[in-house]
């Protein structure tokens, strides 16, 4: 068992060192997140949205005004390829098609990628909400998008890993929702540091935040 996962809504686990986000202040990390999402997401259109982001990055960060693949490769190489050379090679035609159409509105470019991530995945970590402390077995699940399916997904994970978990906390992801310390409820009890047995004694998870 790994200490951190992105858990897809069908229950599939994706072990990660860092959870997937699309930060505007770290666009190389956002590119890495986008390529990961293309492989992990169920949404068919995710690649189309990522082509737009790659084209935006080439145009407004690498500052390439006319499509020249040699220059683009050289500039990506100087950044140690935050999006893989294999991806650029495979989808250069699709990226070029949107290159001259993309606008300088980064929020709109990233919005669909963020929405797909938060509607399809929750973020889980044992040992801390953001950093892992191997001496504790507190398990955190951070939700970015309301969906009744998450209770079943979380319950299955806890049941399958209960020997490695002491407490369960389910909260709205502050980085996504802006809500601070906003926990979901099991029955009428806040889902904050519940014991495994107590969490499993409930049969639903309320999406109403505390």
N, C-alpha and C. Protein backbone atom coordinates (compact mmCIF):
# COMPACT_ATOMS: atom_id res chain seq x y z
N UNK A 1 0.83 -1.21 0.00
CA UNK A 1 0.00 0.00 0.00
C UNK A 1 0.87 1.26 0.00
N UNK A 2 0.53 2.21 -0.89
CA UNK A 2 1.23 3.48 -0.94
C UNK A 2 0.61 4.45 0.06
N UNK A 3 1.29 5.57 0.32
CA UNK A 3 0.76 6.51 1.30
C UNK A 3 -0.15 7.56 0.67
N UNK A 4 -0.16 7.68 -0.66
CA UNK A 4 -1.02 8.67 -1.30
C UNK A 4 -1.54 8.15 -2.63
N UNK A 5 -2.82 8.44 -2.88
CA UNK A 5 -3.45 8.00 -4.12
C UNK A 5 -4.35 9.10 -4.67
N UNK A 6 -4.51 9.08 -5.98
CA UNK A 6 -5.67 9.66 -6.63
C UNK A 6 -6.60 8.48 -6.86
N UNK A 7 -7.82 8.56 -6.33
CA UNK A 7 -8.77 7.45 -6.44
C UNK A 7 -9.87 7.85 -7.41
N UNK A 8 -10.00 7.09 -8.49
CA UNK A 8 -11.01 7.40 -9.49
C UNK A 8 -12.38 6.92 -9.03
N UNK A 9 -13.44 7.49 -9.58
CA UNK A 9 -14.80 7.22 -9.11
C UNK A 9 -15.24 5.78 -9.33
N UNK A 10 -14.52 5.03 -10.18
CA UNK A 10 -14.82 3.60 -10.33
C UNK A 10 -14.00 2.76 -9.36
N UNK A 11 -13.24 3.41 -8.47
CA UNK A 11 -12.47 2.72 -7.45
C UNK A 11 -11.03 2.43 -7.82
N UNK A 12 -10.63 2.70 -9.04
CA UNK A 12 -9.25 2.43 -9.43
C UNK A 12 -8.29 3.37 -8.71
N UNK A 13 -7.18 2.80 -8.21
CA UNK A 13 -6.20 3.57 -7.45
C UNK A 13 -5.02 3.95 -8.32
N UNK A 14 -4.60 5.20 -8.20
CA UNK A 14 -3.42 5.69 -8.90
C UNK A 14 -2.45 6.23 -7.86
N UNK A 15 -1.40 5.46 -7.53
CA UNK A 15 -0.43 5.94 -6.54
C UNK A 15 0.32 7.17 -7.05
N UNK A 16 0.49 8.14 -6.18
CA UNK A 16 1.17 9.38 -6.55
C UNK A 16 2.08 9.82 -5.41
N UNK A 17 3.11 10.58 -5.75
CA UNK A 17 3.93 11.21 -4.72
C UNK A 17 3.26 12.52 -4.28
N UNK A 18 2.73 13.24 -5.28
CA UNK A 18 2.01 14.49 -5.01
C UNK A 18 0.65 14.41 -5.69
N UNK A 19 -0.37 14.94 -5.04
CA UNK A 19 -1.69 14.92 -5.63
C UNK A 19 -1.76 15.85 -6.84
N UNK A 20 -2.68 15.54 -7.72
CA UNK A 20 -2.76 16.22 -9.01
C UNK A 20 -3.61 17.49 -8.90
N UNK A 21 -2.98 18.61 -9.25
CA UNK A 21 -3.65 19.91 -9.35
C UNK A 21 -3.15 20.61 -10.60
N UNK A 22 -3.75 21.76 -10.89
CA UNK A 22 -3.31 22.57 -12.04
C UNK A 22 -3.00 23.98 -11.56
N UNK A 23 -1.88 24.15 -10.86
CA UNK A 23 -1.56 25.46 -10.27
C UNK A 23 -1.10 26.46 -11.33
N UNK A 24 -1.65 27.65 -11.26
CA UNK A 24 -1.25 28.69 -12.21
C UNK A 24 0.14 29.23 -11.90
N UNK A 25 0.61 29.01 -10.68
CA UNK A 25 1.94 29.51 -10.32
C UNK A 25 3.03 28.46 -10.53
N UNK A 26 2.68 27.31 -11.08
CA UNK A 26 3.66 26.27 -11.40
C UNK A 26 3.17 25.54 -12.65
N UNK A 27 3.36 26.16 -13.79
CA UNK A 27 2.78 25.65 -15.03
C UNK A 27 3.46 24.39 -15.53
N UNK A 28 4.71 24.18 -15.17
CA UNK A 28 5.36 22.93 -15.55
C UNK A 28 4.71 21.75 -14.80
N UNK A 29 4.39 21.98 -13.53
CA UNK A 29 3.68 20.96 -12.78
C UNK A 29 2.28 20.74 -13.36
N UNK A 30 1.64 21.81 -13.80
CA UNK A 30 0.32 21.69 -14.40
C UNK A 30 0.39 20.89 -15.70
N UNK A 31 1.44 21.07 -16.48
CA UNK A 31 1.62 20.27 -17.70
C UNK A 31 1.78 18.79 -17.36
N UNK A 32 2.58 18.50 -16.35
CA UNK A 32 2.75 17.11 -15.92
C UNK A 32 1.42 16.53 -15.48
N UNK A 33 0.62 17.33 -14.76
CA UNK A 33 -0.70 16.88 -14.32
C UNK A 33 -1.61 16.59 -15.50
N UNK A 34 -1.54 17.43 -16.52
CA UNK A 34 -2.39 17.24 -17.69
C UNK A 34 -2.06 15.98 -18.46
N UNK A 35 -0.78 15.69 -18.60
CA UNK A 35 -0.41 14.45 -19.30
C UNK A 35 -0.84 13.23 -18.48
N UNK A 36 -0.69 13.32 -17.16
CA UNK A 36 -1.16 12.23 -16.30
C UNK A 36 -2.66 12.03 -16.48
N UNK A 37 -3.41 13.14 -16.51
CA UNK A 37 -4.85 13.06 -16.62
C UNK A 37 -5.29 12.42 -17.93
N UNK A 38 -4.56 12.69 -19.00
CA UNK A 38 -4.90 12.08 -20.29
C UNK A 38 -4.86 10.56 -20.23
N UNK A 39 -3.97 10.02 -19.43
CA UNK A 39 -3.87 8.57 -19.28
C UNK A 39 -4.85 8.01 -18.26
N UNK A 40 -5.21 8.81 -17.25
CA UNK A 40 -5.97 8.29 -16.11
C UNK A 40 -7.47 8.55 -16.18
N UNK A 41 -7.89 9.61 -16.85
CA UNK A 41 -9.30 10.01 -16.83
C UNK A 41 -10.16 9.13 -17.73
N UNK A 42 -11.43 9.04 -17.38
CA UNK A 42 -12.40 8.32 -18.19
C UNK A 42 -13.01 9.22 -19.26
N UNK A 43 -13.00 10.53 -19.03
CA UNK A 43 -13.60 11.48 -19.96
C UNK A 43 -12.84 11.48 -21.28
N UNK A 44 -13.55 11.17 -22.35
CA UNK A 44 -12.91 11.01 -23.66
C UNK A 44 -12.30 12.31 -24.16
N UNK A 45 -12.95 13.43 -23.87
CA UNK A 45 -12.51 14.72 -24.42
C UNK A 45 -11.32 15.33 -23.69
N UNK A 46 -10.77 14.65 -22.69
CA UNK A 46 -9.71 15.26 -21.89
C UNK A 46 -8.50 15.64 -22.74
N UNK A 47 -8.15 14.84 -23.73
CA UNK A 47 -6.99 15.16 -24.57
C UNK A 47 -7.22 16.45 -25.35
N UNK A 48 -8.46 16.67 -25.80
CA UNK A 48 -8.74 17.89 -26.55
C UNK A 48 -8.47 19.12 -25.70
N UNK A 49 -8.85 19.06 -24.42
CA UNK A 49 -8.59 20.19 -23.52
C UNK A 49 -7.10 20.34 -23.24
N UNK A 50 -6.40 19.21 -23.18
CA UNK A 50 -4.96 19.29 -22.90
C UNK A 50 -4.19 19.82 -24.10
N UNK A 51 -4.63 19.50 -25.32
CA UNK A 51 -3.98 20.08 -26.51
C UNK A 51 -4.02 21.61 -26.42
N UNK A 52 -5.14 22.15 -25.97
CA UNK A 52 -5.27 23.60 -25.86
C UNK A 52 -4.30 24.16 -24.84
N UNK A 53 -4.14 23.47 -23.72
CA UNK A 53 -3.20 23.94 -22.69
C UNK A 53 -1.76 23.88 -23.20
N UNK A 54 -1.40 22.80 -23.87
CA UNK A 54 -0.04 22.70 -24.41
C UNK A 54 0.19 23.81 -25.44
N UNK A 55 -0.78 24.04 -26.29
CA UNK A 55 -0.66 25.12 -27.28
C UNK A 55 -0.53 26.48 -26.60
N UNK A 56 -1.34 26.69 -25.55
CA UNK A 56 -1.25 27.95 -24.79
C UNK A 56 0.15 28.12 -24.21
N UNK A 57 0.69 27.05 -23.62
CA UNK A 57 2.02 27.11 -23.01
C UNK A 57 3.08 27.44 -24.06
N UNK A 58 2.99 26.81 -25.21
CA UNK A 58 3.96 27.08 -26.28
C UNK A 58 3.89 28.54 -26.71
N UNK A 59 2.68 29.04 -26.84
CA UNK A 59 2.48 30.38 -27.38
C UNK A 59 2.82 31.48 -26.39
N UNK A 60 2.39 31.30 -25.12
CA UNK A 60 2.49 32.41 -24.17
C UNK A 60 3.57 32.25 -23.11
N UNK A 61 4.09 31.03 -22.92
CA UNK A 61 5.19 30.83 -21.97
C UNK A 61 6.50 30.63 -22.71
N UNK A 62 6.50 29.75 -23.68
CA UNK A 62 7.71 29.58 -24.50
C UNK A 62 7.88 30.73 -25.48
N UNK A 63 6.82 31.50 -25.67
CA UNK A 63 6.80 32.68 -26.56
C UNK A 63 7.21 32.29 -27.97
N UNK A 64 6.48 31.36 -28.51
CA UNK A 64 6.64 30.96 -29.91
C UNK A 64 5.43 31.49 -30.66
N UNK A 65 5.65 32.43 -31.55
CA UNK A 65 4.53 33.08 -32.25
C UNK A 65 4.18 32.41 -33.57
N UNK A 66 5.14 31.74 -34.16
CA UNK A 66 4.92 31.01 -35.41
C UNK A 66 5.33 29.57 -35.20
N UNK A 67 4.49 28.66 -35.63
CA UNK A 67 4.74 27.24 -35.37
C UNK A 67 6.04 26.79 -36.04
N UNK A 68 7.02 26.48 -35.22
CA UNK A 68 8.32 25.96 -35.69
C UNK A 68 8.72 24.86 -34.74
N UNK A 69 8.62 23.61 -35.21
CA UNK A 69 8.78 22.49 -34.30
C UNK A 69 10.19 22.38 -33.74
N UNK A 70 11.18 22.77 -34.50
CA UNK A 70 12.56 22.71 -33.99
C UNK A 70 12.74 23.66 -32.80
N UNK A 71 12.18 24.86 -32.92
CA UNK A 71 12.27 25.82 -31.82
C UNK A 71 11.48 25.33 -30.61
N UNK A 72 10.30 24.78 -30.86
CA UNK A 72 9.46 24.28 -29.77
C UNK A 72 10.17 23.16 -29.01
N UNK A 73 10.76 22.22 -29.74
CA UNK A 73 11.50 21.14 -29.10
C UNK A 73 12.65 21.68 -28.26
N UNK A 74 13.38 22.63 -28.82
CA UNK A 74 14.54 23.20 -28.12
C UNK A 74 14.12 23.85 -26.81
N UNK A 75 12.99 24.58 -26.84
CA UNK A 75 12.54 25.27 -25.63
C UNK A 75 11.99 24.29 -24.60
N UNK A 76 11.26 23.28 -25.06
CA UNK A 76 10.79 22.26 -24.12
C UNK A 76 11.96 21.51 -23.50
N UNK A 77 12.99 21.25 -24.29
CA UNK A 77 14.16 20.53 -23.78
C UNK A 77 14.85 21.33 -22.69
N UNK A 78 14.86 22.65 -22.81
CA UNK A 78 15.49 23.50 -21.81
C UNK A 78 14.76 23.43 -20.48
N UNK A 79 13.48 23.01 -20.51
CA UNK A 79 12.68 22.86 -19.30
C UNK A 79 12.61 21.40 -18.84
N UNK A 80 13.42 20.54 -19.48
CA UNK A 80 13.45 19.11 -19.16
C UNK A 80 12.08 18.44 -19.40
N UNK A 81 11.41 18.91 -20.43
CA UNK A 81 10.17 18.30 -20.90
C UNK A 81 9.11 18.08 -19.81
N UNK A 82 8.48 19.15 -19.34
CA UNK A 82 7.37 18.98 -18.39
C UNK A 82 6.20 18.22 -19.00
N UNK A 83 6.08 18.26 -20.31
CA UNK A 83 5.21 17.33 -21.04
C UNK A 83 6.14 16.51 -21.92
N UNK A 84 5.93 15.20 -21.98
CA UNK A 84 6.94 14.33 -22.57
C UNK A 84 7.11 14.57 -24.06
N UNK A 85 8.31 14.31 -24.52
CA UNK A 85 8.59 14.41 -25.96
C UNK A 85 7.72 13.44 -26.75
N UNK A 86 7.46 12.28 -26.16
CA UNK A 86 6.63 11.28 -26.83
C UNK A 86 5.22 11.82 -27.07
N UNK A 87 4.68 12.55 -26.09
CA UNK A 87 3.34 13.12 -26.23
C UNK A 87 3.34 14.18 -27.33
N UNK A 88 4.33 15.05 -27.32
CA UNK A 88 4.40 16.11 -28.33
C UNK A 88 4.54 15.50 -29.72
N UNK A 89 5.40 14.49 -29.85
CA UNK A 89 5.58 13.82 -31.13
C UNK A 89 4.27 13.22 -31.63
N UNK A 90 3.57 12.55 -30.74
CA UNK A 90 2.36 11.82 -31.13
C UNK A 90 1.22 12.75 -31.50
N UNK A 91 1.12 13.89 -30.80
CA UNK A 91 -0.05 14.75 -30.98
C UNK A 91 0.30 16.13 -31.52
N UNK A 92 1.43 16.25 -32.20
CA UNK A 92 1.83 17.57 -32.70
C UNK A 92 0.81 18.16 -33.67
N UNK A 93 0.17 17.32 -34.48
CA UNK A 93 -0.82 17.81 -35.44
C UNK A 93 -2.01 18.43 -34.71
N UNK A 94 -2.50 17.73 -33.68
CA UNK A 94 -3.65 18.22 -32.92
C UNK A 94 -3.31 19.51 -32.17
N UNK A 95 -2.11 19.59 -31.63
CA UNK A 95 -1.69 20.80 -30.90
C UNK A 95 -1.55 21.97 -31.87
N UNK A 96 -0.97 21.70 -33.03
CA UNK A 96 -0.79 22.77 -34.03
C UNK A 96 -2.14 23.31 -34.50
N UNK A 97 -3.15 22.44 -34.58
CA UNK A 97 -4.46 22.87 -35.06
C UNK A 97 -5.09 23.93 -34.16
N UNK A 98 -4.79 23.88 -32.86
CA UNK A 98 -5.38 24.87 -31.94
C UNK A 98 -4.41 25.99 -31.59
N UNK A 99 -3.18 25.89 -32.06
CA UNK A 99 -2.13 26.84 -31.68
C UNK A 99 -2.52 28.28 -32.01
N UNK A 100 -3.03 28.52 -33.22
CA UNK A 100 -3.35 29.88 -33.64
C UNK A 100 -4.71 30.35 -33.13
N UNK A 101 -5.46 29.45 -32.52
CA UNK A 101 -6.80 29.79 -32.04
C UNK A 101 -6.84 30.09 -30.55
N UNK A 102 -5.85 29.61 -29.81
CA UNK A 102 -5.90 29.69 -28.35
C UNK A 102 -5.76 31.14 -27.88
N UNK A 103 -6.56 31.51 -26.88
CA UNK A 103 -6.50 32.86 -26.32
C UNK A 103 -5.63 32.88 -25.08
N UNK A 104 -5.30 34.08 -24.63
CA UNK A 104 -4.42 34.24 -23.47
C UNK A 104 -5.23 34.25 -22.17
N UNK A 105 -6.21 33.37 -22.05
CA UNK A 105 -7.05 33.29 -20.86
C UNK A 105 -6.74 31.97 -20.16
N UNK A 106 -5.74 32.01 -19.29
CA UNK A 106 -5.26 30.78 -18.66
C UNK A 106 -6.34 30.11 -17.83
N UNK A 107 -7.14 30.89 -17.12
CA UNK A 107 -8.19 30.30 -16.27
C UNK A 107 -9.14 29.44 -17.11
N UNK A 108 -9.56 29.98 -18.25
CA UNK A 108 -10.48 29.23 -19.12
C UNK A 108 -9.82 27.99 -19.72
N UNK A 109 -8.52 28.08 -19.97
CA UNK A 109 -7.79 26.94 -20.52
C UNK A 109 -7.70 25.81 -19.50
N UNK A 110 -7.46 26.16 -18.24
CA UNK A 110 -7.28 25.14 -17.20
C UNK A 110 -8.61 24.64 -16.62
N UNK A 111 -9.66 25.44 -16.72
CA UNK A 111 -10.92 25.10 -16.06
C UNK A 111 -11.44 23.72 -16.40
N UNK A 112 -11.54 23.30 -17.67
CA UNK A 112 -12.07 21.96 -17.95
C UNK A 112 -11.18 20.84 -17.43
N UNK A 113 -9.87 21.04 -17.41
CA UNK A 113 -8.96 20.03 -16.88
C UNK A 113 -9.16 19.88 -15.37
N UNK A 114 -9.35 21.00 -14.69
CA UNK A 114 -9.62 20.95 -13.25
C UNK A 114 -10.96 20.28 -12.96
N UNK A 115 -11.96 20.60 -13.75
CA UNK A 115 -13.29 20.03 -13.53
C UNK A 115 -13.30 18.52 -13.76
N UNK A 116 -12.60 18.06 -14.77
CA UNK A 116 -12.52 16.62 -15.01
C UNK A 116 -11.80 15.93 -13.84
N UNK A 117 -10.71 16.52 -13.39
CA UNK A 117 -9.96 15.94 -12.27
C UNK A 117 -10.84 15.83 -11.02
N UNK A 118 -11.55 16.90 -10.69
CA UNK A 118 -12.31 16.93 -9.44
C UNK A 118 -13.62 16.16 -9.52
N UNK A 119 -14.14 15.95 -10.71
CA UNK A 119 -15.36 15.15 -10.85
C UNK A 119 -15.05 13.66 -10.92
N UNK A 120 -13.84 13.31 -11.33
CA UNK A 120 -13.50 11.89 -11.50
C UNK A 120 -12.64 11.32 -10.37
N UNK A 121 -11.99 12.18 -9.58
CA UNK A 121 -11.01 11.70 -8.61
C UNK A 121 -11.20 12.36 -7.25
N UNK A 122 -10.83 11.61 -6.20
CA UNK A 122 -10.61 12.20 -4.88
C UNK A 122 -9.16 11.97 -4.50
N UNK A 123 -8.68 12.79 -3.57
CA UNK A 123 -7.28 12.72 -3.16
C UNK A 123 -7.20 12.07 -1.78
N UNK A 124 -6.39 11.04 -1.66
CA UNK A 124 -6.25 10.29 -0.39
C UNK A 124 -4.80 10.30 0.04
N UNK A 125 -4.61 10.43 1.35
CA UNK A 125 -3.25 10.31 1.91
C UNK A 125 -3.34 9.77 3.34
N UNK A 126 -2.45 8.87 3.67
CA UNK A 126 -2.33 8.35 5.03
C UNK A 126 -1.11 8.98 5.69
N UNK A 127 -1.29 9.46 6.91
CA UNK A 127 -0.17 10.02 7.65
C UNK A 127 -0.14 11.53 7.66
N UNK A 128 -1.13 12.16 7.05
CA UNK A 128 -1.19 13.62 7.03
C UNK A 128 -2.03 14.08 5.86
N UNK A 129 -2.56 15.29 5.95
CA UNK A 129 -3.43 15.77 4.88
C UNK A 129 -2.63 16.09 3.62
N UNK A 130 -1.45 16.70 3.79
CA UNK A 130 -0.65 17.10 2.64
C UNK A 130 0.74 16.47 2.62
N UNK A 131 1.27 16.18 3.78
CA UNK A 131 2.58 15.54 3.89
C UNK A 131 2.43 14.26 4.69
N UNK A 132 3.25 13.27 4.38
CA UNK A 132 3.13 11.97 5.03
C UNK A 132 4.02 11.88 6.26
N UNK A 133 3.41 11.53 7.39
CA UNK A 133 4.14 11.20 8.61
C UNK A 133 3.94 9.71 8.85
N UNK A 134 4.98 8.94 8.66
CA UNK A 134 4.85 7.49 8.71
C UNK A 134 4.58 6.96 10.12
N UNK A 135 4.63 7.85 11.12
CA UNK A 135 4.39 7.41 12.49
C UNK A 135 2.90 7.41 12.85
N UNK A 136 2.07 8.00 12.01
CA UNK A 136 0.63 8.04 12.29
C UNK A 136 -0.14 7.38 11.16
N UNK A 137 -1.36 6.95 11.48
CA UNK A 137 -2.18 6.23 10.50
C UNK A 137 -3.53 6.91 10.30
N UNK A 138 -3.51 8.25 10.32
CA UNK A 138 -4.71 9.01 10.02
C UNK A 138 -4.88 9.05 8.50
N UNK A 139 -6.07 8.73 8.02
CA UNK A 139 -6.33 8.67 6.59
C UNK A 139 -7.26 9.81 6.19
N UNK A 140 -6.81 10.64 5.25
CA UNK A 140 -7.58 11.78 4.79
C UNK A 140 -8.07 11.56 3.37
N UNK A 141 -9.32 11.90 3.14
CA UNK A 141 -9.89 11.91 1.80
C UNK A 141 -10.36 13.33 1.51
N UNK A 142 -9.85 13.93 0.44
CA UNK A 142 -10.22 15.30 0.08
C UNK A 142 -11.07 15.29 -1.18
N UNK A 143 -12.26 15.84 -1.06
CA UNK A 143 -13.25 15.84 -2.14
C UNK A 143 -13.32 17.23 -2.77
N UNK A 144 -13.28 17.27 -4.09
CA UNK A 144 -13.39 18.55 -4.77
C UNK A 144 -14.71 18.76 -5.48
N UNK A 145 -15.48 17.69 -5.63
CA UNK A 145 -16.72 17.75 -6.39
C UNK A 145 -17.74 16.83 -5.73
N UNK A 146 -18.93 17.33 -5.47
CA UNK A 146 -19.95 16.56 -4.77
C UNK A 146 -20.50 15.44 -5.65
N UNK A 147 -20.47 14.23 -5.12
CA UNK A 147 -21.01 13.09 -5.85
C UNK A 147 -21.30 11.98 -4.85
N UNK A 148 -22.48 11.41 -4.92
CA UNK A 148 -22.86 10.35 -3.97
C UNK A 148 -21.99 9.11 -4.10
N UNK A 149 -21.30 8.95 -5.21
CA UNK A 149 -20.49 7.75 -5.41
C UNK A 149 -19.29 7.71 -4.46
N UNK A 150 -18.90 8.85 -3.92
CA UNK A 150 -17.67 8.89 -3.12
C UNK A 150 -17.76 8.05 -1.85
N UNK A 151 -18.94 7.95 -1.25
CA UNK A 151 -19.03 7.14 -0.03
C UNK A 151 -18.66 5.69 -0.32
N UNK A 152 -19.20 5.13 -1.38
CA UNK A 152 -18.89 3.74 -1.73
C UNK A 152 -17.41 3.56 -2.02
N UNK A 153 -16.83 4.52 -2.73
CA UNK A 153 -15.41 4.45 -3.08
C UNK A 153 -14.55 4.51 -1.82
N UNK A 154 -14.87 5.45 -0.92
CA UNK A 154 -14.10 5.61 0.32
C UNK A 154 -14.27 4.39 1.21
N UNK A 155 -15.50 3.93 1.36
CA UNK A 155 -15.75 2.77 2.22
C UNK A 155 -14.97 1.54 1.74
N UNK A 156 -14.97 1.30 0.44
CA UNK A 156 -14.23 0.16 -0.11
C UNK A 156 -12.75 0.29 0.20
N UNK A 157 -12.20 1.48 0.03
CA UNK A 157 -10.78 1.70 0.31
C UNK A 157 -10.47 1.43 1.78
N UNK A 158 -11.31 1.97 2.67
CA UNK A 158 -11.08 1.78 4.11
C UNK A 158 -11.19 0.30 4.48
N UNK A 159 -12.18 -0.39 3.97
CA UNK A 159 -12.34 -1.82 4.27
C UNK A 159 -11.13 -2.63 3.83
N UNK A 160 -10.60 -2.30 2.66
CA UNK A 160 -9.49 -3.07 2.10
C UNK A 160 -8.15 -2.72 2.75
N UNK A 161 -8.09 -1.59 3.43
CA UNK A 161 -6.81 -1.14 4.01
C UNK A 161 -6.91 -0.86 5.50
N UNK A 162 -7.91 -1.42 6.18
CA UNK A 162 -8.17 -1.04 7.58
C UNK A 162 -7.05 -1.41 8.53
N UNK A 163 -6.22 -2.37 8.17
CA UNK A 163 -5.10 -2.71 9.04
C UNK A 163 -4.03 -1.62 9.06
N UNK A 164 -4.06 -0.75 8.04
CA UNK A 164 -3.08 0.33 7.95
C UNK A 164 -3.65 1.69 8.33
N UNK A 165 -4.92 1.70 8.76
CA UNK A 165 -5.61 2.96 9.05
C UNK A 165 -6.13 2.93 10.48
N UNK A 166 -5.97 4.06 11.18
CA UNK A 166 -6.53 4.19 12.54
C UNK A 166 -7.72 5.14 12.56
N UNK A 167 -7.64 6.25 11.83
CA UNK A 167 -8.75 7.19 11.79
C UNK A 167 -9.05 7.59 10.35
N UNK A 168 -10.30 8.03 10.14
CA UNK A 168 -10.77 8.43 8.81
C UNK A 168 -11.32 9.85 8.88
N UNK A 169 -10.87 10.69 7.96
CA UNK A 169 -11.40 12.05 7.84
C UNK A 169 -11.75 12.30 6.37
N UNK A 170 -12.95 12.85 6.15
CA UNK A 170 -13.40 13.18 4.80
C UNK A 170 -13.79 14.65 4.78
N UNK A 171 -13.14 15.41 3.93
CA UNK A 171 -13.39 16.85 3.91
C UNK A 171 -13.36 17.39 2.49
N UNK A 172 -13.90 18.58 2.36
CA UNK A 172 -13.84 19.27 1.08
C UNK A 172 -12.43 19.82 0.90
N UNK A 173 -11.87 19.58 -0.28
CA UNK A 173 -10.48 19.96 -0.54
C UNK A 173 -10.35 21.48 -0.56
N UNK A 174 -9.64 22.05 0.41
CA UNK A 174 -9.51 23.52 0.46
C UNK A 174 -8.89 24.10 -0.81
N UNK A 175 -7.96 23.36 -1.41
CA UNK A 175 -7.28 23.87 -2.60
C UNK A 175 -8.21 23.98 -3.80
N UNK A 176 -9.30 23.22 -3.76
CA UNK A 176 -10.26 23.22 -4.87
C UNK A 176 -11.48 24.07 -4.56
N UNK A 177 -12.04 23.88 -3.36
CA UNK A 177 -13.31 24.52 -3.01
C UNK A 177 -13.14 25.86 -2.30
N UNK A 178 -11.98 26.07 -1.68
CA UNK A 178 -11.78 27.27 -0.87
C UNK A 178 -12.33 27.13 0.54
N UNK A 179 -12.97 26.00 0.86
CA UNK A 179 -13.53 25.77 2.19
C UNK A 179 -12.41 25.32 3.14
N UNK A 180 -12.31 25.94 4.29
CA UNK A 180 -11.29 25.59 5.27
C UNK A 180 -11.89 24.70 6.35
N UNK A 181 -11.24 23.57 6.62
CA UNK A 181 -11.69 22.64 7.68
C UNK A 181 -13.17 22.33 7.56
N UNK A 182 -13.61 22.04 6.36
CA UNK A 182 -15.02 21.78 6.10
C UNK A 182 -15.20 20.28 5.83
N UNK A 183 -15.73 19.58 6.85
CA UNK A 183 -15.81 18.12 6.81
C UNK A 183 -17.20 17.66 6.39
N UNK A 184 -17.24 16.49 5.75
CA UNK A 184 -18.51 15.84 5.47
C UNK A 184 -19.03 15.19 6.76
N UNK A 185 -20.23 14.64 6.69
CA UNK A 185 -20.84 14.01 7.85
C UNK A 185 -21.17 12.55 7.56
N UNK A 186 -20.99 11.72 8.58
CA UNK A 186 -21.50 10.35 8.59
C UNK A 186 -22.67 10.36 9.57
N UNK A 187 -23.89 10.18 9.04
CA UNK A 187 -25.06 10.36 9.89
C UNK A 187 -25.07 11.78 10.39
N UNK A 188 -25.11 11.97 11.70
CA UNK A 188 -25.08 13.32 12.27
C UNK A 188 -23.72 13.64 12.88
N UNK A 189 -22.71 12.87 12.50
CA UNK A 189 -21.39 13.04 13.10
C UNK A 189 -20.39 13.53 12.05
N UNK A 190 -19.64 14.55 12.45
CA UNK A 190 -18.62 15.07 11.55
C UNK A 190 -17.58 13.99 11.26
N UNK A 191 -17.24 13.82 9.99
CA UNK A 191 -16.28 12.78 9.60
C UNK A 191 -14.86 13.31 9.75
N UNK A 192 -14.48 13.49 10.99
CA UNK A 192 -13.16 14.01 11.33
C UNK A 192 -12.53 13.11 12.38
N UNK A 193 -11.49 12.41 12.00
CA UNK A 193 -10.77 11.50 12.89
C UNK A 193 -11.69 10.45 13.50
N UNK A 194 -12.60 9.91 12.71
CA UNK A 194 -13.42 8.79 13.17
C UNK A 194 -12.58 7.52 13.17
N UNK A 195 -12.78 6.66 14.15
CA UNK A 195 -12.10 5.37 14.11
C UNK A 195 -12.60 4.59 12.91
N UNK A 196 -11.83 3.62 12.47
CA UNK A 196 -12.23 2.81 11.31
C UNK A 196 -13.57 2.13 11.57
N UNK A 197 -13.71 1.52 12.75
CA UNK A 197 -14.95 0.81 13.06
C UNK A 197 -16.15 1.76 13.09
N UNK A 198 -15.94 2.96 13.63
CA UNK A 198 -17.03 3.92 13.68
C UNK A 198 -17.42 4.36 12.27
N UNK A 199 -16.42 4.65 11.46
CA UNK A 199 -16.72 5.05 10.08
C UNK A 199 -17.48 3.96 9.34
N UNK A 200 -17.05 2.71 9.50
CA UNK A 200 -17.70 1.59 8.79
C UNK A 200 -19.07 1.26 9.36
N UNK A 201 -19.40 1.80 10.53
CA UNK A 201 -20.72 1.54 11.10
C UNK A 201 -21.81 2.36 10.43
N UNK A 202 -21.41 3.38 9.67
CA UNK A 202 -22.38 4.20 8.95
C UNK A 202 -22.60 3.64 7.55
N UNK A 203 -23.75 3.96 6.98
CA UNK A 203 -24.04 3.43 5.65
C UNK A 203 -24.16 4.53 4.59
N UNK A 204 -23.79 5.74 4.96
CA UNK A 204 -23.79 6.81 3.97
C UNK A 204 -22.90 7.94 4.44
N UNK A 205 -22.62 8.82 3.50
CA UNK A 205 -21.79 9.99 3.76
C UNK A 205 -22.55 11.21 3.30
N UNK A 206 -22.81 12.13 4.19
CA UNK A 206 -23.54 13.33 3.83
C UNK A 206 -22.59 14.33 3.21
N UNK A 207 -23.00 14.89 2.08
CA UNK A 207 -22.17 15.86 1.41
C UNK A 207 -22.35 17.27 1.97
N UNK A 208 -23.20 17.41 2.97
CA UNK A 208 -23.35 18.73 3.60
C UNK A 208 -22.10 19.02 4.40
N UNK A 209 -21.55 20.20 4.17
CA UNK A 209 -20.29 20.50 4.83
C UNK A 209 -20.53 21.12 6.20
N UNK A 210 -19.55 20.92 7.09
CA UNK A 210 -19.65 21.48 8.44
C UNK A 210 -19.31 22.96 8.41
